[in-house]
Amino acid sequence: LASEHDRGLGARYRTLMRVRSAEIGGLVEVVEYDEPRDLAWNSVTGIDQRGRWRLRELGSDRTHVELRLSYGVSGAGIGGWLAEQVAAPTVRENLRHSLRELKRQVEYEQARVAAAARRAAASARR
């Protein structure tokens, strides 16, 4: 966290991602925030990037999650283009990992809440 806002519109975060031996990233600012549905950010410093998390309910127990990220090395010519191509597989895998981790955390929380409800119901019956 790199701002006085801990979350929401205007909050700033330092982002880093290891790509081979380099850490890339910079400072990003939240430019759209509609909890719990949408979060979008743009870079302030560092790698030029724009991203968005979008969540949409599909039913009582399902949610569609979309993560978009565009990035680039502005003004770097062919060297920047080459760096983007080299980084792409790592960035793609890191984004997939983020989505898997979100799914794991949500499913864990759902299981925890369900187990607590079962325990409470069992205690009430005694």
N, C-alpha and C. Protein backbone atom coordinates (compact mmCIF):
# COMPACT_ATOMS: atom_id res chain seq x y z
N LEU A 1 0.86 -1.17 0.00
CA LEU A 1 0.00 0.00 0.00
C LEU A 1 0.90 1.23 0.00
N ALA A 2 0.61 2.16 -0.90
CA ALA A 2 1.47 3.32 -1.04
C ALA A 2 0.67 4.62 -1.05
N SER A 3 -0.45 4.66 -0.32
CA SER A 3 -1.25 5.88 -0.28
C SER A 3 -1.98 5.96 1.05
N GLU A 4 -2.64 7.10 1.28
CA GLU A 4 -3.41 7.24 2.51
C GLU A 4 -4.70 6.43 2.48
N HIS A 5 -5.20 6.11 1.28
CA HIS A 5 -6.39 5.26 1.15
C HIS A 5 -5.96 3.81 1.28
N ASP A 6 -6.60 3.05 2.17
CA ASP A 6 -6.21 1.64 2.28
C ASP A 6 -6.87 0.79 1.22
N ARG A 7 -7.95 1.28 0.61
CA ARG A 7 -8.57 0.60 -0.51
C ARG A 7 -9.56 1.56 -1.16
N GLY A 8 -10.04 1.15 -2.32
CA GLY A 8 -11.03 1.96 -3.01
C GLY A 8 -10.41 2.93 -3.99
N LEU A 9 -11.27 3.78 -4.53
CA LEU A 9 -10.86 4.74 -5.54
C LEU A 9 -9.73 5.62 -5.01
N GLY A 10 -8.67 5.72 -5.79
CA GLY A 10 -7.53 6.54 -5.41
C GLY A 10 -6.45 5.82 -4.62
N ALA A 11 -6.72 4.62 -4.14
CA ALA A 11 -5.70 3.86 -3.40
C ALA A 11 -4.56 3.53 -4.35
N ARG A 12 -3.35 3.57 -3.83
CA ARG A 12 -2.16 3.26 -4.63
C ARG A 12 -1.42 2.09 -4.01
N TYR A 13 -0.93 1.22 -4.90
CA TYR A 13 -0.21 0.02 -4.47
C TYR A 13 1.06 -0.14 -5.28
N ARG A 14 2.08 -0.63 -4.63
CA ARG A 14 3.31 -0.99 -5.34
C ARG A 14 3.14 -2.43 -5.78
N THR A 15 3.31 -2.67 -7.07
CA THR A 15 3.17 -4.02 -7.61
C THR A 15 4.51 -4.49 -8.16
N LEU A 16 4.83 -5.72 -7.86
CA LEU A 16 6.06 -6.32 -8.38
C LEU A 16 5.77 -7.75 -8.83
N MET A 17 6.41 -8.14 -9.91
CA MET A 17 6.30 -9.50 -10.42
C MET A 17 7.69 -9.93 -10.86
N ARG A 18 8.11 -11.10 -10.40
CA ARG A 18 9.42 -11.60 -10.82
C ARG A 18 9.28 -12.24 -12.19
N VAL A 19 10.09 -11.74 -13.12
CA VAL A 19 10.17 -12.30 -14.47
C VAL A 19 11.63 -12.64 -14.70
N ARG A 20 11.91 -13.93 -14.69
CA ARG A 20 13.29 -14.42 -14.73
C ARG A 20 14.05 -13.84 -13.56
N SER A 21 15.12 -13.10 -13.80
CA SER A 21 15.91 -12.57 -12.69
C SER A 21 15.53 -11.14 -12.32
N ALA A 22 14.56 -10.57 -13.01
CA ALA A 22 14.19 -9.17 -12.76
C ALA A 22 12.84 -9.07 -12.06
N GLU A 23 12.70 -8.05 -11.22
CA GLU A 23 11.40 -7.72 -10.67
C GLU A 23 10.88 -6.53 -11.46
N ILE A 24 9.68 -6.70 -12.03
CA ILE A 24 9.09 -5.62 -12.82
C ILE A 24 7.82 -5.16 -12.13
N GLY A 25 7.42 -3.96 -12.40
CA GLY A 25 6.20 -3.44 -11.81
C GLY A 25 6.30 -1.95 -11.64
N GLY A 26 5.71 -1.45 -10.60
CA GLY A 26 5.71 -0.02 -10.34
C GLY A 26 4.56 0.33 -9.41
N LEU A 27 4.17 1.57 -9.46
CA LEU A 27 3.08 2.07 -8.63
C LEU A 27 1.82 2.13 -9.47
N VAL A 28 0.72 1.56 -8.96
CA VAL A 28 -0.57 1.60 -9.66
C VAL A 28 -1.58 2.31 -8.77
N GLU A 29 -2.58 2.91 -9.41
CA GLU A 29 -3.65 3.60 -8.70
C GLU A 29 -4.99 3.03 -9.11
N VAL A 30 -5.86 2.79 -8.13
CA VAL A 30 -7.21 2.30 -8.40
C VAL A 30 -8.00 3.45 -9.02
N VAL A 31 -8.53 3.20 -10.23
CA VAL A 31 -9.26 4.23 -10.97
C VAL A 31 -10.75 3.94 -11.09
N GLU A 32 -11.14 2.70 -10.81
CA GLU A 32 -12.56 2.33 -10.75
C GLU A 32 -12.72 1.36 -9.59
N TYR A 33 -13.77 1.55 -8.81
CA TYR A 33 -13.98 0.68 -7.66
C TYR A 33 -15.46 0.60 -7.37
N ASP A 34 -16.01 -0.57 -7.53
CA ASP A 34 -17.42 -0.81 -7.25
C ASP A 34 -17.48 -2.13 -6.49
N GLU A 35 -17.25 -2.04 -5.16
CA GLU A 35 -17.21 -3.24 -4.34
C GLU A 35 -18.57 -3.90 -4.33
N PRO A 36 -18.69 -5.17 -4.49
CA PRO A 36 -17.63 -6.16 -4.69
C PRO A 36 -17.49 -6.59 -6.15
N ARG A 37 -17.90 -5.76 -7.10
CA ARG A 37 -18.00 -6.20 -8.49
C ARG A 37 -16.80 -5.84 -9.37
N ASP A 38 -16.28 -4.64 -9.25
CA ASP A 38 -15.27 -4.17 -10.19
C ASP A 38 -14.12 -3.46 -9.49
N LEU A 39 -12.93 -3.69 -10.02
CA LEU A 39 -11.73 -3.01 -9.56
C LEU A 39 -10.85 -2.82 -10.79
N ALA A 40 -10.48 -1.58 -11.07
CA ALA A 40 -9.60 -1.30 -12.21
C ALA A 40 -8.47 -0.39 -11.76
N TRP A 41 -7.31 -0.56 -12.39
CA TRP A 41 -6.15 0.25 -12.02
C TRP A 41 -5.36 0.63 -13.26
N ASN A 42 -4.58 1.70 -13.11
CA ASN A 42 -3.64 2.16 -14.12
C ASN A 42 -2.30 2.41 -13.44
N SER A 43 -1.24 2.31 -14.21
CA SER A 43 0.08 2.57 -13.65
C SER A 43 0.29 4.06 -13.46
N VAL A 44 1.06 4.38 -12.42
CA VAL A 44 1.49 5.74 -12.16
C VAL A 44 2.97 5.84 -12.50
N THR A 45 3.74 4.84 -12.07
CA THR A 45 5.17 4.77 -12.39
C THR A 45 5.51 3.33 -12.77
N GLY A 46 6.68 3.15 -13.34
CA GLY A 46 7.14 1.81 -13.69
C GLY A 46 6.57 1.33 -15.01
N ILE A 47 6.38 0.01 -15.11
CA ILE A 47 5.84 -0.61 -16.32
C ILE A 47 4.46 -0.03 -16.61
N ASP A 48 4.23 0.36 -17.85
CA ASP A 48 2.92 0.86 -18.27
C ASP A 48 1.93 -0.30 -18.19
N GLN A 49 0.90 -0.17 -17.36
CA GLN A 49 -0.07 -1.27 -17.22
C GLN A 49 -1.46 -0.74 -16.88
N ARG A 50 -2.44 -1.51 -17.29
CA ARG A 50 -3.84 -1.30 -16.95
C ARG A 50 -4.42 -2.66 -16.63
N GLY A 51 -5.23 -2.72 -15.60
CA GLY A 51 -5.82 -4.01 -15.25
C GLY A 51 -7.21 -3.86 -14.69
N ARG A 52 -7.91 -4.99 -14.64
CA ARG A 52 -9.28 -4.99 -14.12
C ARG A 52 -9.65 -6.37 -13.60
N TRP A 53 -10.24 -6.39 -12.42
CA TRP A 53 -10.94 -7.56 -11.89
C TRP A 53 -12.42 -7.28 -12.07
N ARG A 54 -13.16 -8.24 -12.58
CA ARG A 54 -14.61 -8.10 -12.73
C ARG A 54 -15.26 -9.38 -12.22
N LEU A 55 -16.20 -9.25 -11.30
CA LEU A 55 -16.92 -10.40 -10.74
C LEU A 55 -18.41 -10.24 -11.02
N ARG A 56 -19.02 -11.33 -11.51
CA ARG A 56 -20.45 -11.33 -11.82
C ARG A 56 -21.08 -12.61 -11.28
N GLU A 57 -22.17 -12.46 -10.55
CA GLU A 57 -22.88 -13.63 -10.02
C GLU A 57 -23.54 -14.38 -11.16
N LEU A 58 -23.43 -15.71 -11.11
CA LEU A 58 -24.07 -16.58 -12.11
C LEU A 58 -25.21 -17.38 -11.50
N GLY A 59 -25.41 -17.24 -10.24
CA GLY A 59 -26.43 -18.00 -9.53
C GLY A 59 -26.14 -17.91 -8.05
N SER A 60 -26.82 -18.71 -7.28
CA SER A 60 -26.67 -18.62 -5.83
C SER A 60 -25.29 -19.03 -5.33
N ASP A 61 -24.61 -19.89 -6.06
CA ASP A 61 -23.31 -20.36 -5.57
C ASP A 61 -22.21 -20.31 -6.62
N ARG A 62 -22.38 -19.49 -7.64
CA ARG A 62 -21.36 -19.41 -8.69
C ARG A 62 -21.09 -17.95 -9.05
N THR A 63 -19.84 -17.67 -9.36
CA THR A 63 -19.43 -16.32 -9.77
C THR A 63 -18.47 -16.43 -10.94
N HIS A 64 -18.67 -15.59 -11.93
CA HIS A 64 -17.75 -15.50 -13.07
C HIS A 64 -16.71 -14.45 -12.70
N VAL A 65 -15.44 -14.81 -12.79
CA VAL A 65 -14.35 -13.90 -12.48
C VAL A 65 -13.55 -13.64 -13.74
N GLU A 66 -13.31 -12.38 -14.01
CA GLU A 66 -12.52 -12.00 -15.18
C GLU A 66 -11.37 -11.12 -14.70
N LEU A 67 -10.17 -11.44 -15.13
CA LEU A 67 -8.99 -10.65 -14.81
C LEU A 67 -8.35 -10.26 -16.13
N ARG A 68 -8.21 -8.98 -16.35
CA ARG A 68 -7.57 -8.48 -17.57
C ARG A 68 -6.36 -7.64 -17.19
N LEU A 69 -5.31 -7.79 -17.96
CA LEU A 69 -4.11 -7.00 -17.74
C LEU A 69 -3.48 -6.69 -19.08
N SER A 70 -3.18 -5.43 -19.31
CA SER A 70 -2.39 -5.07 -20.47
C SER A 70 -1.18 -4.30 -19.94
N TYR A 71 -0.05 -4.55 -20.55
CA TYR A 71 1.18 -3.93 -20.07
C TYR A 71 2.13 -3.73 -21.24
N GLY A 72 3.09 -2.90 -21.04
CA GLY A 72 4.09 -2.68 -22.08
C GLY A 72 5.23 -1.82 -21.56
N VAL A 73 6.29 -1.84 -22.31
CA VAL A 73 7.45 -1.02 -22.02
C VAL A 73 7.39 0.14 -23.00
N SER A 74 6.85 1.26 -22.56
CA SER A 74 6.63 2.37 -23.49
C SER A 74 7.95 3.02 -23.91
N GLY A 75 8.02 3.37 -25.17
CA GLY A 75 9.16 4.09 -25.71
C GLY A 75 10.45 3.31 -25.79
N ALA A 76 10.39 1.98 -25.74
CA ALA A 76 11.62 1.18 -25.72
C ALA A 76 11.94 0.54 -27.06
N GLY A 77 11.12 0.78 -28.08
CA GLY A 77 11.40 0.26 -29.42
C GLY A 77 11.43 -1.26 -29.46
N ILE A 78 12.31 -1.79 -30.31
CA ILE A 78 12.40 -3.24 -30.50
C ILE A 78 12.84 -3.95 -29.22
N GLY A 79 13.68 -3.30 -28.43
CA GLY A 79 14.10 -3.90 -27.16
C GLY A 79 12.93 -4.07 -26.20
N GLY A 80 12.05 -3.08 -26.16
CA GLY A 80 10.86 -3.18 -25.33
C GLY A 80 9.93 -4.27 -25.81
N TRP A 81 9.76 -4.36 -27.12
CA TRP A 81 8.91 -5.40 -27.69
C TRP A 81 9.46 -6.78 -27.34
N LEU A 82 10.78 -6.94 -27.48
CA LEU A 82 11.41 -8.21 -27.16
C LEU A 82 11.24 -8.55 -25.67
N ALA A 83 11.42 -7.56 -24.81
CA ALA A 83 11.24 -7.78 -23.37
C ALA A 83 9.81 -8.23 -23.06
N GLU A 84 8.84 -7.63 -23.73
CA GLU A 84 7.44 -8.02 -23.53
C GLU A 84 7.21 -9.47 -23.96
N GLN A 85 7.81 -9.88 -25.06
CA GLN A 85 7.65 -11.26 -25.55
C GLN A 85 8.29 -12.26 -24.59
N VAL A 86 9.44 -11.91 -24.05
CA VAL A 86 10.13 -12.79 -23.10
C VAL A 86 9.32 -12.90 -21.81
N ALA A 87 8.73 -11.80 -21.38
CA ALA A 87 7.98 -11.77 -20.11
C ALA A 87 6.61 -12.43 -20.21
N ALA A 88 6.03 -12.48 -21.40
CA ALA A 88 4.63 -12.91 -21.57
C ALA A 88 4.31 -14.26 -20.92
N PRO A 89 5.10 -15.33 -21.11
CA PRO A 89 4.74 -16.61 -20.47
C PRO A 89 4.71 -16.53 -18.94
N THR A 90 5.65 -15.80 -18.36
CA THR A 90 5.69 -15.67 -16.90
C THR A 90 4.50 -14.87 -16.41
N VAL A 91 4.20 -13.77 -17.08
CA VAL A 91 3.06 -12.94 -16.70
C VAL A 91 1.77 -13.76 -16.79
N ARG A 92 1.61 -14.49 -17.88
CA ARG A 92 0.41 -15.32 -18.08
C ARG A 92 0.27 -16.34 -16.95
N GLU A 93 1.35 -17.01 -16.59
CA GLU A 93 1.30 -18.01 -15.52
C GLU A 93 1.01 -17.35 -14.17
N ASN A 94 1.58 -16.18 -13.92
CA ASN A 94 1.30 -15.47 -12.66
C ASN A 94 -0.18 -15.08 -12.57
N LEU A 95 -0.77 -14.66 -13.68
CA LEU A 95 -2.19 -14.32 -13.68
C LEU A 95 -3.05 -15.56 -13.44
N ARG A 96 -2.69 -16.65 -14.07
CA ARG A 96 -3.42 -17.91 -13.83
C ARG A 96 -3.31 -18.32 -12.37
N HIS A 97 -2.12 -18.17 -11.81
CA HIS A 97 -1.93 -18.49 -10.39
C HIS A 97 -2.82 -17.60 -9.52
N SER A 98 -2.92 -16.32 -9.84
CA SER A 98 -3.79 -15.41 -9.08
C SER A 98 -5.23 -15.87 -9.12
N LEU A 99 -5.70 -16.29 -10.28
CA LEU A 99 -7.08 -16.77 -10.41
C LEU A 99 -7.29 -18.07 -9.62
N ARG A 100 -6.32 -18.99 -9.69
CA ARG A 100 -6.44 -20.23 -8.92
C ARG A 100 -6.46 -19.94 -7.42
N GLU A 101 -5.62 -19.01 -6.98
CA GLU A 101 -5.55 -18.66 -5.57
C GLU A 101 -6.85 -18.01 -5.11
N LEU A 102 -7.43 -17.15 -5.92
CA LEU A 102 -8.72 -16.56 -5.58
C LEU A 102 -9.77 -17.65 -5.42
N LYS A 103 -9.81 -18.58 -6.35
CA LYS A 103 -10.77 -19.69 -6.29
C LYS A 103 -10.57 -20.51 -5.01
N ARG A 104 -9.32 -20.81 -4.69
CA ARG A 104 -9.01 -21.59 -3.49
C ARG A 104 -9.48 -20.86 -2.23
N GLN A 105 -9.21 -19.56 -2.15
CA GLN A 105 -9.60 -18.80 -0.97
C GLN A 105 -11.11 -18.69 -0.83
N VAL A 106 -11.80 -18.47 -1.94
CA VAL A 106 -13.27 -18.37 -1.89
C VAL A 106 -13.87 -19.70 -1.48
N GLU A 107 -13.40 -20.79 -2.06
CA GLU A 107 -13.93 -22.11 -1.71
C GLU A 107 -13.63 -22.47 -0.26
N TYR A 108 -12.45 -22.11 0.22
CA TYR A 108 -12.12 -22.35 1.62
C TYR A 108 -13.07 -21.58 2.53
N GLU A 109 -13.30 -20.32 2.22
CA GLU A 109 -14.19 -19.50 3.05
C GLU A 109 -15.62 -20.05 3.03
N GLN A 110 -16.08 -20.50 1.87
CA GLN A 110 -17.42 -21.09 1.78
C GLN A 110 -17.50 -22.35 2.64
N ALA A 111 -16.48 -23.19 2.59
CA ALA A 111 -16.46 -24.41 3.40
C ALA A 111 -16.40 -24.08 4.88
N ARG A 112 -15.64 -23.07 5.25
CA ARG A 112 -15.53 -22.66 6.65
C ARG A 112 -16.88 -22.17 7.17
N VAL A 113 -17.56 -21.34 6.40
CA VAL A 113 -18.87 -20.81 6.81
C VAL A 113 -19.89 -21.94 6.92
N ALA A 114 -19.88 -22.86 5.95
CA ALA A 114 -20.82 -23.99 5.98
C ALA A 114 -20.57 -24.88 7.19
N ALA A 115 -19.30 -25.13 7.52
CA ALA A 115 -18.97 -25.97 8.68
C ALA A 115 -19.42 -25.28 9.97
N ALA A 116 -19.22 -23.98 10.07
CA ALA A 116 -19.66 -23.24 11.26
C ALA A 116 -21.18 -23.31 11.40
N ALA A 117 -21.89 -23.21 10.28
CA ALA A 117 -23.36 -23.30 10.32
C ALA A 117 -23.80 -24.69 10.77
N ARG A 118 -23.11 -25.72 10.29
CA ARG A 118 -23.46 -27.09 10.70
C ARG A 118 -23.21 -27.28 12.20
N ARG A 119 -22.09 -26.75 12.70
CA ARG A 119 -21.78 -26.87 14.13
C ARG A 119 -22.83 -26.13 14.97
N ALA A 120 -23.22 -24.95 14.52
CA ALA A 120 -24.22 -24.17 15.25
C ALA A 120 -25.56 -24.89 15.26
N ALA A 121 -25.93 -25.48 14.12
CA ALA A 121 -27.20 -26.22 14.05
C ALA A 121 -27.15 -27.45 14.95
N ALA A 122 -26.02 -28.14 14.98
CA ALA A 122 -25.88 -29.32 15.83
C ALA A 122 -25.95 -28.94 17.30
N SER A 123 -25.34 -27.83 17.67
CA SER A 123 -25.38 -27.36 19.07
C SER A 123 -26.79 -26.97 19.47
N ALA A 124 -27.53 -26.37 18.55
CA ALA A 124 -28.90 -25.93 18.84
C ALA A 124 -29.82 -27.12 19.06
N ARG A 125 -29.53 -28.25 18.42
CA ARG A 125 -30.37 -29.44 18.56
C ARG A 125 -30.12 -30.16 19.88
N ARG A 126 -29.01 -29.90 20.53
CA ARG A 126 -28.66 -30.62 21.77
C ARG A 126 -29.39 -30.09 22.96
